[in-house]
Amino acid sequence: MACMACAFAPRGDSQLDLHHLDPISEGQRRTRLEDLAVLCANCHRFAHSVEPPMGVEGLRLAVGGVD
């Protein structure tokens, strides 16, 4: 498994986060798998550095990650 933004692939999955594509703060409480993105900790922090949080495509452009 690897970060969907930068393609970082740790040896263990403990270094990966799940990012809600539709922020929980916007009221949606039930999360489906397709509403999540696998991100490394760095990309996840970067996604939340702006309001609203970035999606995977925006992150890919910002970090020059996978196509």
N, C-alpha and C. Protein backbone atom coordinates (compact mmCIF):
# COMPACT_ATOMS: atom_id res chain seq x y z
N MET A 1 0.85 -1.17 0.00
CA MET A 1 0.00 0.00 0.00
C MET A 1 0.90 1.24 0.00
N ALA A 2 0.46 2.28 -0.70
CA ALA A 2 1.27 3.49 -0.83
C ALA A 2 0.39 4.74 -0.78
N CYS A 3 1.02 5.86 -0.50
CA CYS A 3 0.34 7.15 -0.48
C CYS A 3 -0.22 7.44 -1.87
N MET A 4 -1.47 7.82 -1.94
CA MET A 4 -2.13 8.09 -3.22
C MET A 4 -1.69 9.42 -3.82
N ALA A 5 -0.97 10.24 -3.06
CA ALA A 5 -0.51 11.54 -3.57
C ALA A 5 0.94 11.49 -4.02
N CYS A 6 1.84 10.97 -3.17
CA CYS A 6 3.27 11.02 -3.49
C CYS A 6 3.89 9.66 -3.76
N ALA A 7 3.12 8.59 -3.57
CA ALA A 7 3.55 7.21 -3.81
C ALA A 7 4.53 6.67 -2.77
N PHE A 8 4.70 7.35 -1.64
CA PHE A 8 5.53 6.82 -0.56
C PHE A 8 4.95 5.49 -0.11
N ALA A 9 5.80 4.47 -0.04
CA ALA A 9 5.36 3.13 0.35
C ALA A 9 6.20 2.65 1.53
N PRO A 10 5.70 2.83 2.74
CA PRO A 10 6.46 2.38 3.91
C PRO A 10 6.49 0.87 4.01
N ARG A 11 7.39 0.38 4.81
CA ARG A 11 7.46 -1.08 5.01
C ARG A 11 6.25 -1.61 5.76
N GLY A 12 5.72 -0.79 6.64
CA GLY A 12 4.53 -1.17 7.39
C GLY A 12 3.43 -0.15 7.16
N ASP A 13 2.19 -0.58 7.27
CA ASP A 13 1.06 0.32 7.02
C ASP A 13 0.84 1.34 8.13
N SER A 14 1.60 1.23 9.23
CA SER A 14 1.37 2.15 10.35
C SER A 14 1.79 3.57 10.03
N GLN A 15 2.51 3.79 8.93
CA GLN A 15 2.94 5.13 8.55
C GLN A 15 1.99 5.76 7.54
N LEU A 16 0.85 5.16 7.33
CA LEU A 16 -0.14 5.69 6.39
C LEU A 16 -1.40 6.11 7.14
N ASP A 17 -2.03 7.16 6.65
CA ASP A 17 -3.26 7.68 7.25
C ASP A 17 -4.41 7.52 6.26
N LEU A 18 -5.62 7.60 6.78
CA LEU A 18 -6.81 7.67 5.94
C LEU A 18 -7.35 9.09 6.00
N HIS A 19 -7.54 9.68 4.83
CA HIS A 19 -8.01 11.06 4.70
C HIS A 19 -9.45 11.03 4.21
N HIS A 20 -10.34 11.70 4.94
CA HIS A 20 -11.74 11.80 4.51
C HIS A 20 -11.84 12.79 3.35
N LEU A 21 -12.30 12.33 2.21
CA LEU A 21 -12.46 13.21 1.05
C LEU A 21 -13.59 14.20 1.26
N ASP A 22 -14.61 13.80 1.99
CA ASP A 22 -15.69 14.69 2.41
C ASP A 22 -15.51 14.89 3.91
N PRO A 23 -15.04 16.07 4.33
CA PRO A 23 -14.72 16.29 5.74
C PRO A 23 -15.86 15.94 6.68
N ILE A 24 -15.54 15.28 7.77
CA ILE A 24 -16.53 14.92 8.78
C ILE A 24 -17.18 16.18 9.34
N SER A 25 -16.43 17.26 9.39
CA SER A 25 -16.97 18.52 9.94
C SER A 25 -18.12 19.08 9.11
N GLU A 26 -18.28 18.58 7.89
CA GLU A 26 -19.38 19.04 7.04
C GLU A 26 -20.66 18.24 7.26
N GLY A 27 -20.66 17.39 8.28
CA GLY A 27 -21.89 16.73 8.67
C GLY A 27 -22.03 15.27 8.33
N GLN A 28 -21.25 14.76 7.39
CA GLN A 28 -21.37 13.35 7.03
C GLN A 28 -20.72 12.51 8.11
N ARG A 29 -21.45 11.60 8.70
CA ARG A 29 -20.93 10.80 9.80
C ARG A 29 -20.63 9.36 9.40
N ARG A 30 -21.27 8.86 8.38
CA ARG A 30 -20.99 7.50 7.91
C ARG A 30 -19.99 7.58 6.78
N THR A 31 -18.90 6.87 6.93
CA THR A 31 -17.84 6.93 5.94
C THR A 31 -17.80 5.63 5.15
N ARG A 32 -17.81 5.76 3.83
CA ARG A 32 -17.67 4.61 2.95
C ARG A 32 -16.21 4.53 2.50
N LEU A 33 -15.76 3.37 2.12
CA LEU A 33 -14.37 3.21 1.67
C LEU A 33 -14.03 4.14 0.53
N GLU A 34 -14.97 4.36 -0.38
CA GLU A 34 -14.69 5.23 -1.52
C GLU A 34 -14.60 6.71 -1.13
N ASP A 35 -14.94 7.03 0.13
CA ASP A 35 -14.83 8.40 0.63
C ASP A 35 -13.49 8.65 1.34
N LEU A 36 -12.59 7.67 1.27
CA LEU A 36 -11.29 7.77 1.94
C LEU A 36 -10.15 7.71 0.94
N ALA A 37 -9.05 8.35 1.30
CA ALA A 37 -7.83 8.28 0.50
C ALA A 37 -6.68 7.89 1.43
N VAL A 38 -5.82 7.01 0.97
CA VAL A 38 -4.64 6.60 1.73
C VAL A 38 -3.54 7.62 1.47
N LEU A 39 -3.06 8.26 2.55
CA LEU A 39 -2.01 9.27 2.44
C LEU A 39 -0.92 9.00 3.47
N CYS A 40 0.31 9.37 3.13
CA CYS A 40 1.37 9.33 4.13
C CYS A 40 1.10 10.47 5.12
N ALA A 41 1.75 10.44 6.26
CA ALA A 41 1.51 11.46 7.28
C ALA A 41 1.84 12.86 6.77
N ASN A 42 2.90 13.00 5.98
CA ASN A 42 3.27 14.32 5.46
C ASN A 42 2.20 14.87 4.53
N CYS A 43 1.74 14.07 3.58
CA CYS A 43 0.70 14.54 2.65
C CYS A 43 -0.61 14.82 3.39
N HIS A 44 -0.91 14.02 4.41
CA HIS A 44 -2.14 14.23 5.16
C HIS A 44 -2.09 15.58 5.88
N ARG A 45 -0.97 15.89 6.51
CA ARG A 45 -0.82 17.19 7.16
C ARG A 45 -0.92 18.32 6.14
N PHE A 46 -0.28 18.12 4.99
CA PHE A 46 -0.30 19.14 3.94
C PHE A 46 -1.73 19.36 3.43
N ALA A 47 -2.49 18.28 3.28
CA ALA A 47 -3.88 18.39 2.82
C ALA A 47 -4.70 19.27 3.75
N HIS A 48 -4.42 19.19 5.05
CA HIS A 48 -5.18 19.95 6.04
C HIS A 48 -4.56 21.31 6.36
N SER A 49 -3.56 21.71 5.60
CA SER A 49 -2.93 23.01 5.84
C SER A 49 -3.72 24.16 5.21
N VAL A 50 -4.74 23.82 4.44
CA VAL A 50 -5.60 24.83 3.80
C VAL A 50 -7.05 24.51 4.12
N GLU A 51 -7.91 25.49 3.92
CA GLU A 51 -9.34 25.32 4.16
C GLU A 51 -10.08 25.64 2.89
N PRO A 52 -10.90 24.76 2.35
CA PRO A 52 -11.11 23.40 2.79
C PRO A 52 -9.90 22.53 2.48
N PRO A 53 -9.80 21.38 3.13
CA PRO A 53 -8.66 20.50 2.88
C PRO A 53 -8.57 20.08 1.41
N MET A 54 -7.35 19.89 0.96
CA MET A 54 -7.10 19.47 -0.43
C MET A 54 -7.55 18.03 -0.65
N GLY A 55 -7.94 17.76 -1.88
CA GLY A 55 -8.21 16.40 -2.30
C GLY A 55 -6.95 15.78 -2.86
N VAL A 56 -7.04 14.54 -3.28
CA VAL A 56 -5.88 13.81 -3.78
C VAL A 56 -5.30 14.47 -5.03
N GLU A 57 -6.14 14.91 -5.96
CA GLU A 57 -5.62 15.52 -7.19
C GLU A 57 -4.82 16.79 -6.90
N GLY A 58 -5.34 17.62 -6.01
CA GLY A 58 -4.63 18.83 -5.62
C GLY A 58 -3.30 18.51 -4.96
N LEU A 59 -3.29 17.48 -4.13
CA LEU A 59 -2.05 17.07 -3.49
C LEU A 59 -1.04 16.57 -4.51
N ARG A 60 -1.50 15.77 -5.46
CA ARG A 60 -0.59 15.26 -6.49
C ARG A 60 0.08 16.40 -7.24
N LEU A 61 -0.69 17.40 -7.59
CA LEU A 61 -0.12 18.56 -8.28
C LEU A 61 0.86 19.31 -7.39
N ALA A 62 0.51 19.48 -6.13
CA ALA A 62 1.34 20.25 -5.20
C ALA A 62 2.65 19.56 -4.87
N VAL A 63 2.63 18.25 -4.73
CA VAL A 63 3.84 17.53 -4.33
C VAL A 63 4.55 16.88 -5.52
N GLY A 64 3.98 17.02 -6.71
CA GLY A 64 4.61 16.42 -7.89
C GLY A 64 4.61 14.91 -7.82
N GLY A 65 3.51 14.36 -7.30
CA GLY A 65 3.41 12.92 -7.08
C GLY A 65 2.97 12.14 -8.29
N VAL A 66 2.35 11.01 -8.02
CA VAL A 66 1.95 10.05 -9.04
C VAL A 66 0.87 10.62 -9.94
N ASP A 67 0.83 10.14 -11.18
CA ASP A 67 -0.19 10.56 -12.14
C ASP A 67 -1.42 9.69 -12.06
